[in-house]
Amino acid sequence: MISRGQSLLVVLLVWAVIYLPALGSLEIRGEEGRRILPAITMLETGNYIVPQVGSERYFSKPPLVNWLVAASFKIFGARNEWAARMPSTICVLAVAIAFVTIARASLGGRGSTTAALIWMTNFGIFEKGRLIEIEGLYVSLFALAFVCWLSWWEQKRSPWLTWTIPWIFLGLGLLAKGPTHLVFFYAVVIAVLWQAGALRKIWNLPHALGLIIMLSIFAAWAIPYAQMAGGSRVARAWQGQLWLALADFKFRGWIRNIPRSLGYFLPWLLLLPLVRGAKFSFDRQTIIARGLIWGIGIPLVIVNLIPGWLPRYTMPLVAPASWLLAATLTAENLEWPRWLGGKKFLPQDRQRTVTTVVILACVCVSIYAFAIVPHLRKHQKVKAIAAQIDALVPVSQRLYAVDPDFQPFLFYVRGPLVYVSAVEDLPREARYFLVRPERKTEAESNEHWVPLHAKPLQEFEDYRNWKIILFEVTSG
């Protein structure tokens, strides 16, 4: 029997090996800039309610991830990739610790440790947990709510605990991305209660209190946000997000949604066929396993069939899948499916399999961090653009960005950097500013600096083929 202290030590060691090496070695990529740049603006302006990307207010997502990045910059006293990504890695660790502590009474010492290891070593969590993207935070908050609810329900703890505390994490999930995670959470809850013949128990006073707590957490931000940003503009922006997803429908991508969703759970996906061959010691464990199968399978299919929705939207299901597979691998009796031989899978072989997969994951990450990352650093494009701009703008001059939209390289430009919405908003003392190509003519013809004139100094193009032009105000 593995002790709680041993479980925590194993989890911390594996987490440190997988999530810390080379965490801040590569430049920001993908959507990371949309999480980092608003955090910097919050620190500089003191406005933590309405996120901004560049000079524009950012309506698409709630600000929890931005708050965490800003807090990380404050705590670590640095504004770099490592500090920006730490919130994601810490969230992953928090879920692993929840598995080996809160779920220990339900899964047992070995089962809870196995669940934590599966959680940390699947492709989806590994990918998102090393980046500062919403999924790392959002999926972890869902996982914390799921682990708390299922553990306490299985342990028959007080309803005032079981049906309230998890909703704190669900409320924070609303502040991370919105309500999508509730679909997956209630799919699991309803499926488990249905299998237990206790579906009516979902209607209880503690649950109502939990919902109030969840909505109150969201409202504490949403109400002042709507007042400051304009409720109608916010509503239009969120509606636009939905229509944008539908308009972006591509059949070739849509038919691959389910395989790509399943791919997030590799390499552990290969062991999921074992679930049908598991024989548990207690009826309640069997009920939970059956409930999880339904609670995972139905929303996985439905969400992936919605046109325009992406496979990553189903990532919250990684947590229940980790629980289900861990329970399977520590079941009293376990057999391979008939089409795979039908032989018994002995406990020592299961333990050896889990250990092998975890060690291979650690080895692969080490190879990536110490052999591949140094090569990738030589071909970074975002930092290269910032370095060119820094070389052209004197240290004594302030750089202005005119309605730049989302430009990741702005994170690396040597400060101070000032955002403005239009060329007319530039002060007369401005000598260097950035504009998008569609504003080039406006900048060249503007008489704001007469007798001086604004002249294009250099045009830059990033990895997305987005362009921006550096102007200099000169007498030439």
Protein backbone atom coordinates (compact mmCIF):
# COMPACT_ATOMS: atom_id res chain seq x y z
CA MET A 1 0.00 0.00 0.00
CA ILE A 2 1.50 3.31 -1.07
CA SER A 3 1.30 6.03 1.60
CA ARG A 4 -0.10 9.50 1.05
CA GLY A 5 3.38 11.00 1.44
CA GLN A 6 4.83 8.61 -1.14
CA SER A 7 2.01 9.44 -3.57
CA LEU A 8 2.63 13.16 -3.21
CA LEU A 9 6.37 12.69 -3.70
CA VAL A 10 5.85 10.66 -6.88
CA VAL A 11 3.39 13.21 -8.25
CA LEU A 12 5.67 16.17 -7.52
CA LEU A 13 8.66 14.43 -9.08
CA VAL A 14 6.84 13.47 -12.28
CA TRP A 15 5.27 16.93 -12.52
CA ALA A 16 8.66 18.63 -12.14
CA VAL A 17 10.27 16.40 -14.78
CA ILE A 18 7.46 16.85 -17.33
CA TYR A 19 6.27 20.42 -16.85
CA LEU A 20 9.26 22.49 -15.73
CA PRO A 21 12.18 21.78 -18.15
CA ALA A 22 12.46 24.45 -20.86
CA LEU A 23 9.10 25.90 -19.80
CA GLY A 24 10.16 29.43 -20.66
CA SER A 25 12.70 28.68 -23.38
CA LEU A 26 10.48 29.21 -26.43
CA GLU A 27 8.75 32.43 -27.46
CA ILE A 28 5.00 32.84 -27.02
CA ARG A 29 2.94 31.17 -29.70
CA GLY A 30 -0.64 30.54 -30.78
CA GLU A 31 -3.13 32.31 -28.54
CA GLU A 32 -0.69 32.87 -25.69
CA GLY A 33 -0.33 36.53 -26.59
CA ARG A 34 -4.05 37.08 -26.03
CA ARG A 35 -3.58 35.84 -22.47
CA ILE A 36 -0.34 37.72 -21.76
CA LEU A 37 -0.79 41.14 -23.39
CA PRO A 38 -4.05 41.96 -21.54
CA ALA A 39 -2.34 40.99 -18.28
CA ILE A 40 0.43 43.50 -18.95
CA THR A 41 -2.15 46.19 -19.75
CA MET A 42 -3.94 45.40 -16.48
CA LEU A 43 -0.72 45.88 -14.53
CA GLU A 44 0.02 49.16 -16.30
CA THR A 45 -3.47 50.68 -16.16
CA GLY A 46 -4.90 49.12 -13.00
CA ASN A 47 -8.06 48.13 -14.91
CA TYR A 48 -8.59 44.46 -14.07
CA ILE A 49 -12.24 44.36 -15.15
CA VAL A 50 -12.10 44.90 -18.92
CA PRO A 51 -9.23 43.09 -20.70
CA GLN A 52 -7.51 44.84 -23.59
CA VAL A 53 -5.43 43.55 -26.51
CA GLY A 54 -3.45 46.46 -27.80
CA SER A 55 -5.68 49.54 -27.84
CA GLU A 56 -8.91 47.57 -28.17
CA ARG A 57 -11.10 46.05 -25.49
CA TYR A 58 -11.15 42.26 -25.61
CA PHE A 59 -14.69 40.89 -25.36
CA SER A 60 -14.24 37.30 -26.49
CA LYS A 61 -13.20 35.65 -23.21
CA PRO A 62 -13.56 36.30 -19.45
CA PRO A 63 -10.39 37.51 -17.70
CA LEU A 64 -9.41 34.82 -15.16
CA VAL A 65 -6.42 33.67 -17.20
CA ASN A 66 -5.28 37.29 -17.57
CA TRP A 67 -5.57 37.83 -13.82
CA LEU A 68 -3.43 34.77 -13.14
CA VAL A 69 -0.74 35.88 -15.58
CA ALA A 70 -0.69 39.35 -14.02
CA ALA A 71 -0.45 37.79 -10.55
CA SER A 72 2.37 35.53 -11.70
CA PHE A 73 4.32 38.51 -13.08
CA LYS A 74 3.85 40.26 -9.74
CA ILE A 75 4.83 37.25 -7.63
CA PHE A 76 7.93 36.31 -9.61
CA GLY A 77 8.94 39.89 -10.34
CA ALA A 78 9.52 39.16 -14.03
CA ARG A 79 7.57 39.45 -17.27
CA ASN A 80 8.81 36.48 -19.26
CA GLU A 81 7.52 33.26 -20.79
CA TRP A 82 8.33 31.17 -17.72
CA ALA A 83 6.33 33.38 -15.35
CA ALA A 84 3.46 33.61 -17.86
CA ARG A 85 3.15 29.83 -18.22
CA MET A 86 3.51 28.91 -14.55
CA PRO A 87 -0.24 29.30 -13.77
CA SER A 88 -1.06 26.53 -16.24
CA THR A 89 1.52 24.14 -14.82
CA ILE A 90 0.43 24.86 -11.26
CA CYS A 91 -3.20 24.15 -12.19
CA VAL A 92 -2.17 20.77 -13.60
CA LEU A 93 -0.33 20.01 -10.37
CA ALA A 94 -3.33 21.07 -8.27
CA VAL A 95 -5.52 18.48 -10.00
CA ALA A 96 -2.89 15.75 -9.54
CA ILE A 97 -2.71 16.57 -5.83
CA ALA A 98 -6.52 16.50 -5.62
CA PHE A 99 -6.49 12.99 -7.06
CA VAL A 100 -4.00 11.67 -4.48
CA THR A 101 -5.66 13.40 -1.53
CA ILE A 102 -9.39 13.97 -2.05
CA ALA A 103 -9.94 10.90 -4.27
CA ARG A 104 -7.71 8.63 -2.17
CA ALA A 105 -10.58 7.24 -0.07
CA SER A 106 -12.50 6.37 -3.25
CA LEU A 107 -9.75 5.06 -5.53
CA GLY A 108 -7.33 3.80 -2.91
CA GLY A 109 -3.69 4.77 -2.57
CA ARG A 110 -2.51 3.07 -5.75
CA GLY A 111 -5.59 4.01 -7.77
CA SER A 112 -5.46 7.69 -6.85
CA THR A 113 -1.75 7.84 -7.66
CA THR A 114 -2.39 6.13 -10.99
CA ALA A 115 -5.15 8.63 -11.79
CA ALA A 116 -2.80 11.54 -11.03
CA LEU A 117 -0.08 10.08 -13.25
CA ILE A 118 -2.52 9.44 -16.10
CA TRP A 119 -3.80 13.02 -15.75
CA MET A 120 -0.30 14.51 -16.05
CA THR A 121 1.01 12.31 -18.87
CA ASN A 122 -1.68 12.35 -21.56
CA PHE A 123 -1.03 14.33 -24.72
CA GLY A 124 -3.79 16.89 -24.19
CA ILE A 125 -2.81 18.00 -20.70
CA PHE A 126 0.89 17.89 -21.54
CA GLU A 127 0.35 20.18 -24.53
CA LYS A 128 -1.91 22.73 -22.82
CA GLY A 129 -0.29 22.52 -19.40
CA ARG A 130 3.00 23.88 -20.72
CA LEU A 131 1.37 26.88 -22.42
CA ILE A 132 -0.55 29.81 -21.02
CA GLU A 133 -3.75 29.05 -22.88
CA ILE A 134 -7.26 28.90 -21.50
CA GLU A 135 -7.56 25.11 -21.73
CA GLY A 136 -4.85 24.49 -19.14
CA LEU A 137 -6.76 26.54 -16.58
CA TYR A 138 -10.30 25.77 -17.70
CA VAL A 139 -9.87 21.99 -17.88
CA SER A 140 -8.09 21.95 -14.51
CA LEU A 141 -10.92 23.86 -12.82
CA PHE A 142 -13.41 21.38 -14.26
CA ALA A 143 -11.23 18.52 -13.04
CA LEU A 144 -11.12 19.91 -9.50
CA ALA A 145 -14.91 20.22 -9.44
CA PHE A 146 -15.28 16.68 -10.82
CA VAL A 147 -12.81 15.08 -8.40
CA CYS A 148 -14.40 16.80 -5.41
CA TRP A 149 -17.98 15.94 -6.34
CA LEU A 150 -17.41 12.29 -7.31
CA SER A 151 -15.11 11.59 -4.36
CA TRP A 152 -17.46 13.07 -1.79
CA TRP A 153 -20.53 11.51 -3.38
CA GLU A 154 -18.87 8.08 -3.40
CA GLN A 155 -17.75 8.55 0.21
CA LYS A 156 -21.30 9.63 1.21
CA ARG A 157 -20.08 12.88 2.67
CA SER A 158 -22.41 15.69 3.73
CA PRO A 159 -24.55 17.09 0.87
CA TRP A 160 -23.53 20.58 2.05
CA LEU A 161 -19.96 19.65 1.11
CA THR A 162 -20.67 17.51 -1.96
CA TRP A 163 -23.07 19.94 -3.64
CA THR A 164 -21.45 23.31 -2.83
CA ILE A 165 -17.63 23.25 -2.89
CA PRO A 166 -17.34 21.85 -6.45
CA TRP A 167 -19.50 24.74 -7.67
CA ILE A 168 -16.82 27.18 -6.54
CA PHE A 169 -14.52 25.67 -9.17
CA LEU A 170 -17.35 25.68 -11.71
CA GLY A 171 -17.86 29.39 -11.02
CA LEU A 172 -14.17 30.04 -11.60
CA GLY A 173 -14.54 28.01 -14.80
CA LEU A 174 -17.16 30.51 -15.96
CA LEU A 175 -14.56 33.23 -15.42
CA ALA A 176 -12.04 31.24 -17.45
CA LYS A 177 -13.99 30.46 -20.59
CA GLY A 178 -17.74 30.40 -20.13
CA PRO A 179 -20.42 27.77 -19.52
CA THR A 180 -19.33 24.93 -21.83
CA HIS A 181 -17.79 22.93 -18.98
CA LEU A 182 -21.20 22.68 -17.32
CA VAL A 183 -22.36 20.42 -20.17
CA PHE A 184 -19.63 17.90 -19.34
CA PHE A 185 -19.98 18.23 -15.59
CA TYR A 186 -23.70 17.62 -15.51
CA ALA A 187 -23.39 14.82 -18.06
CA VAL A 188 -21.14 12.98 -15.59
CA VAL A 189 -23.26 13.83 -12.54
CA ILE A 190 -26.52 12.78 -14.19
CA ALA A 191 -25.01 9.58 -15.61
CA VAL A 192 -23.57 8.49 -12.24
CA LEU A 193 -26.77 9.27 -10.34
CA TRP A 194 -28.81 7.50 -13.01
CA GLN A 195 -26.72 4.35 -12.72
CA ALA A 196 -27.09 4.54 -8.93
CA GLY A 197 -30.87 4.91 -9.19
CA ALA A 198 -30.60 8.20 -7.36
CA LEU A 199 -31.27 10.75 -10.09
CA ARG A 200 -33.92 12.51 -8.00
CA LYS A 201 -31.24 13.44 -5.47
CA ILE A 202 -29.94 16.07 -7.87
CA TRP A 203 -32.86 18.21 -6.64
CA ASN A 204 -31.68 19.33 -3.22
CA LEU A 205 -31.15 22.54 -1.29
CA PRO A 206 -27.32 22.31 -1.12
CA HIS A 207 -27.27 22.00 -4.92
CA ALA A 208 -29.35 25.15 -5.22
CA LEU A 209 -26.88 26.91 -2.93
CA GLY A 210 -24.02 25.61 -5.07
CA LEU A 211 -25.62 27.11 -8.18
CA ILE A 212 -26.05 30.44 -6.40
CA ILE A 213 -22.39 30.41 -5.37
CA MET A 214 -21.32 29.60 -8.93
CA LEU A 215 -23.41 32.35 -10.50
CA SER A 216 -22.36 34.84 -7.81
CA ILE A 217 -18.69 34.27 -8.61
CA PHE A 218 -19.36 35.01 -12.26
CA ALA A 219 -21.66 37.95 -11.54
CA ALA A 220 -19.07 39.60 -9.28
CA TRP A 221 -17.05 40.27 -12.45
CA ALA A 222 -19.73 40.25 -15.16
CA ILE A 223 -21.92 43.03 -13.73
CA PRO A 224 -19.21 45.72 -13.40
CA TYR A 225 -17.74 44.47 -16.69
CA ALA A 226 -21.04 45.01 -18.52
CA GLN A 227 -21.40 48.45 -16.93
CA MET A 228 -17.91 49.53 -17.97
CA ALA A 229 -17.81 47.94 -21.43
CA GLY A 230 -21.47 48.28 -22.39
CA GLY A 231 -23.84 45.36 -22.04
CA SER A 232 -25.03 45.41 -25.66
CA ARG A 233 -21.47 45.39 -27.02
CA VAL A 234 -20.57 42.44 -24.81
CA ALA A 235 -23.67 40.51 -25.88
CA ARG A 236 -22.92 41.15 -29.56
CA ALA A 237 -19.32 40.04 -29.11
CA TRP A 238 -20.31 36.76 -27.41
CA GLN A 239 -22.99 36.10 -30.02
CA GLY A 240 -20.39 36.81 -32.69
CA GLN A 241 -18.15 34.13 -31.20
CA LEU A 242 -20.92 31.56 -31.68
CA TRP A 243 -21.68 32.61 -35.25
CA LEU A 244 -17.97 32.71 -36.06
CA ALA A 245 -17.65 29.08 -34.99
CA LEU A 246 -20.59 28.10 -37.22
CA ALA A 247 -19.27 30.15 -40.15
CA ASP A 248 -15.86 28.51 -39.81
CA PHE A 249 -17.32 25.05 -40.45
CA LYS A 250 -15.11 22.81 -42.58
CA PHE A 251 -16.35 19.33 -43.38
CA ARG A 252 -12.89 17.75 -43.59
CA GLY A 253 -12.05 19.01 -40.13
CA TRP A 254 -15.48 18.19 -38.74
CA ILE A 255 -15.32 14.48 -39.61
CA ARG A 256 -11.96 14.27 -37.77
CA ASN A 257 -13.29 15.84 -34.57
CA ILE A 258 -13.92 12.60 -32.68
CA PRO A 259 -10.57 10.95 -33.60
CA ARG A 260 -8.73 14.15 -32.67
CA SER A 261 -10.61 14.38 -29.36
CA LEU A 262 -9.66 10.81 -28.55
CA GLY A 263 -6.08 11.62 -29.50
CA TYR A 264 -5.82 14.01 -26.56
CA PHE A 265 -5.93 10.97 -24.25
CA LEU A 266 -3.04 9.16 -25.87
CA PRO A 267 -1.09 7.08 -24.94
CA TRP A 268 -3.60 5.96 -22.29
CA LEU A 269 -6.35 5.68 -24.89
CA LEU A 270 -4.83 2.33 -25.91
CA LEU A 271 -5.76 0.89 -22.50
CA LEU A 272 -9.39 2.06 -22.43
CA PRO A 273 -10.67 -1.23 -24.02
CA LEU A 274 -9.78 -2.81 -20.66
CA VAL A 275 -12.71 -1.03 -19.00
CA ARG A 276 -15.20 -3.72 -20.04
CA GLY A 277 -13.06 -6.43 -18.48
CA ALA A 278 -12.85 -4.88 -15.01
CA LYS A 279 -14.48 -6.57 -12.01
CA PHE A 280 -14.76 -4.34 -8.94
CA SER A 281 -14.95 -5.32 -5.29
CA PHE A 282 -17.89 -3.04 -4.47
CA ASP A 283 -21.14 -2.31 -6.32
CA ARG A 284 -20.64 1.43 -5.90
CA GLN A 285 -17.38 1.23 -7.91
CA THR A 286 -19.22 -0.60 -10.69
CA ILE A 287 -21.94 2.06 -10.68
CA ILE A 288 -19.36 4.84 -10.95
CA ALA A 289 -17.54 3.08 -13.80
CA ARG A 290 -20.76 2.62 -15.78
CA GLY A 291 -21.81 6.19 -15.09
CA LEU A 292 -18.45 7.53 -16.27
CA ILE A 293 -18.68 5.52 -19.49
CA TRP A 294 -22.02 7.14 -20.31
CA GLY A 295 -20.98 10.54 -18.94
CA ILE A 296 -17.87 10.58 -21.12
CA GLY A 297 -19.21 8.95 -24.27
CA ILE A 298 -22.44 10.86 -24.89
CA PRO A 299 -21.12 14.45 -24.58
CA LEU A 300 -17.95 13.49 -26.48
CA VAL A 301 -20.05 12.49 -29.50
CA ILE A 302 -22.61 15.29 -29.24
CA VAL A 303 -20.14 18.15 -28.83
CA ASN A 304 -17.95 16.89 -31.66
CA LEU A 305 -20.96 16.73 -33.99
CA ILE A 306 -21.80 20.43 -33.51
CA PRO A 307 -20.67 22.25 -36.68
CA GLY A 308 -17.76 24.60 -36.13
CA TRP A 309 -16.86 23.27 -32.67
CA LEU A 310 -13.31 22.08 -32.13
CA PRO A 311 -11.95 18.86 -30.58
CA ARG A 312 -10.28 20.77 -27.75
CA TYR A 313 -13.72 21.73 -26.43
CA THR A 314 -14.04 18.14 -25.12
CA MET A 315 -10.81 18.28 -23.12
CA PRO A 316 -12.64 18.45 -19.74
CA LEU A 317 -13.44 14.77 -20.29
CA VAL A 318 -9.77 13.92 -19.71
CA ALA A 319 -10.35 14.08 -15.94
CA PRO A 320 -13.23 11.55 -15.80
CA ALA A 321 -11.35 9.35 -18.28
CA SER A 322 -8.31 9.43 -15.96
CA TRP A 323 -10.48 8.34 -13.01
CA LEU A 324 -12.16 5.59 -15.06
CA LEU A 325 -8.89 4.13 -16.35
CA ALA A 326 -7.20 4.35 -12.94
CA ALA A 327 -10.13 2.51 -11.33
CA THR A 328 -9.92 -0.10 -14.10
CA LEU A 329 -6.19 -0.64 -13.69
CA THR A 330 -6.59 -1.16 -9.93
CA ALA A 331 -9.74 -3.30 -10.10
CA GLU A 332 -9.82 -6.60 -8.20
CA ASN A 333 -9.93 -8.59 -11.45
CA LEU A 334 -9.10 -7.38 -14.92
CA GLU A 335 -9.13 -9.16 -18.26
CA TRP A 336 -8.20 -8.12 -21.74
CA PRO A 337 -11.11 -8.06 -24.23
CA ARG A 338 -11.67 -11.29 -26.13
CA TRP A 339 -10.49 -9.72 -29.37
CA LEU A 340 -7.17 -9.02 -27.59
CA GLY A 341 -6.80 -12.52 -26.18
CA GLY A 342 -9.09 -12.42 -23.15
CA LYS A 343 -6.25 -13.13 -20.73
CA LYS A 344 -6.07 -11.83 -17.18
CA PHE A 345 -4.14 -8.62 -16.67
CA LEU A 346 -2.33 -9.25 -13.41
CA PRO A 347 -1.77 -6.44 -10.87
CA GLN A 348 2.02 -6.56 -11.18
CA ASP A 349 1.75 -6.29 -14.96
CA ARG A 350 -0.62 -3.34 -14.68
CA GLN A 351 1.76 -1.56 -12.31
CA ARG A 352 4.65 -2.29 -14.63
CA THR A 353 2.69 -0.88 -17.59
CA VAL A 354 1.84 2.37 -15.78
CA THR A 355 5.44 2.80 -14.63
CA THR A 356 6.76 2.20 -18.14
CA VAL A 357 4.43 4.74 -19.74
CA VAL A 358 5.28 7.39 -17.13
CA ILE A 359 9.04 6.80 -17.51
CA LEU A 360 8.76 7.00 -21.30
CA ALA A 361 6.85 10.28 -20.96
CA CYS A 362 9.59 11.69 -18.74
CA VAL A 363 12.30 10.54 -21.14
CA CYS A 364 10.49 12.06 -24.15
CA VAL A 365 10.10 15.39 -22.36
CA SER A 366 13.79 15.38 -21.43
CA ILE A 367 14.76 14.77 -25.05
CA TYR A 368 12.44 17.56 -26.15
CA ALA A 369 13.69 20.02 -23.53
CA PHE A 370 17.41 19.41 -23.85
CA ALA A 371 17.81 18.36 -27.50
CA ILE A 372 14.95 19.80 -29.56
CA VAL A 373 14.22 23.11 -27.82
CA PRO A 374 17.76 24.50 -28.36
CA HIS A 375 17.31 23.88 -32.09
CA LEU A 376 13.85 25.52 -32.13
CA ARG A 377 15.20 28.62 -30.36
CA LYS A 378 17.41 29.34 -33.37
CA HIS A 379 14.34 29.76 -35.59
CA GLN A 380 12.12 31.98 -33.44
CA LYS A 381 10.33 34.59 -35.56
CA VAL A 382 8.40 36.64 -33.02
CA LYS A 383 11.46 37.65 -31.03
CA ALA A 384 13.31 38.41 -34.26
CA ILE A 385 10.73 41.05 -35.23
CA ALA A 386 10.97 42.69 -31.81
CA ALA A 387 14.76 42.73 -32.04
CA GLN A 388 14.63 44.47 -35.43
CA ILE A 389 12.25 47.12 -34.10
CA ASP A 390 14.44 47.67 -31.04
CA ALA A 391 17.44 48.16 -33.34
CA LEU A 392 15.61 50.86 -35.32
CA VAL A 393 14.01 52.76 -32.42
CA PRO A 394 16.47 54.70 -30.22
CA VAL A 395 16.40 53.83 -26.53
CA SER A 396 15.49 57.43 -25.69
CA GLN A 397 12.35 57.34 -27.86
CA ARG A 398 8.89 56.11 -26.89
CA LEU A 399 7.30 53.68 -29.34
CA TYR A 400 3.58 53.99 -30.14
CA ALA A 401 1.29 51.31 -31.56
CA VAL A 402 -1.74 52.52 -33.51
CA ASP A 403 -4.63 50.05 -33.24
CA PRO A 404 -2.18 47.13 -33.66
CA ASP A 405 -4.71 44.32 -33.09
CA PHE A 406 -3.11 41.10 -31.78
CA GLN A 407 0.66 41.28 -32.35
CA PRO A 408 2.62 38.76 -30.21
CA PHE A 409 5.96 40.50 -30.82
CA LEU A 410 4.77 43.48 -28.77
CA PHE A 411 5.48 41.38 -25.68
CA TYR A 412 9.18 41.48 -26.53
CA VAL A 413 9.60 45.06 -27.74
CA ARG A 414 11.79 47.14 -25.48
CA GLY A 415 9.61 49.58 -23.55
CA PRO A 416 8.08 51.95 -23.04
CA LEU A 417 5.22 51.13 -25.45
CA VAL A 418 2.02 53.21 -25.74
CA TYR A 419 -1.20 52.12 -27.47
CA VAL A 420 -3.48 54.55 -29.28
CA SER A 421 -6.62 53.94 -31.33
CA ALA A 422 -5.94 56.20 -34.33
CA VAL A 423 -3.16 58.17 -36.00
CA GLU A 424 -4.87 61.39 -34.90
CA ASP A 425 -4.41 60.30 -31.29
CA LEU A 426 -0.63 60.30 -31.56
CA PRO A 427 1.01 63.19 -29.67
CA ARG A 428 3.06 65.72 -31.63
CA GLU A 429 6.22 64.55 -29.88
CA ALA A 430 5.77 60.99 -31.21
CA ARG A 431 8.67 60.03 -33.50
CA TYR A 432 8.20 56.28 -33.97
CA PHE A 433 4.94 54.39 -34.31
CA LEU A 434 3.55 51.13 -35.68
CA VAL A 435 0.50 50.88 -37.95
CA ARG A 436 -1.19 48.13 -39.88
CA PRO A 437 -0.92 48.26 -43.72
CA GLU A 438 -4.50 49.51 -44.12
CA ARG A 439 -3.53 52.67 -42.21
CA LYS A 440 -0.37 53.31 -44.20
CA THR A 441 -1.86 55.97 -46.49
CA GLU A 442 -3.51 57.69 -43.55
CA ALA A 443 -0.20 57.87 -41.69
CA GLU A 444 1.76 59.14 -44.70
CA SER A 445 -0.73 61.89 -45.54
CA ASN A 446 -1.37 63.06 -42.00
CA GLU A 447 -0.23 66.65 -41.36
CA HIS A 448 -0.15 66.20 -37.62
CA TRP A 449 3.62 66.85 -37.46
CA VAL A 450 4.05 69.64 -40.04
CA PRO A 451 6.71 70.64 -40.99
CA LEU A 452 7.85 67.10 -40.17
CA HIS A 453 6.42 64.09 -42.00
CA ALA A 454 5.77 60.44 -41.17
CA LYS A 455 7.72 58.06 -43.42
CA PRO A 456 7.62 54.23 -43.52
CA LEU A 457 10.85 52.91 -42.06
CA GLN A 458 10.35 49.15 -42.40
CA GLU A 459 7.58 46.60 -42.87
CA PHE A 460 7.49 43.40 -40.82
CA GLU A 461 5.64 40.14 -41.45
CA ASP A 462 5.11 37.50 -38.74
CA TYR A 463 4.53 33.74 -38.89
CA ARG A 464 0.80 34.28 -39.58
CA ASN A 465 1.61 36.49 -42.59
CA TRP A 466 0.23 39.48 -40.68
CA LYS A 467 2.05 42.71 -41.50
CA ILE A 468 2.83 45.86 -39.56
CA ILE A 469 4.79 48.96 -40.56
CA LEU A 470 7.20 51.00 -38.46
CA PHE A 471 6.97 54.73 -39.20
CA GLU A 472 9.45 57.44 -38.32
CA VAL A 473 8.53 61.12 -38.04
CA THR A 474 11.35 63.02 -39.71
CA SER A 475 12.19 66.11 -41.68
CA GLY A 476 13.46 64.03 -44.61
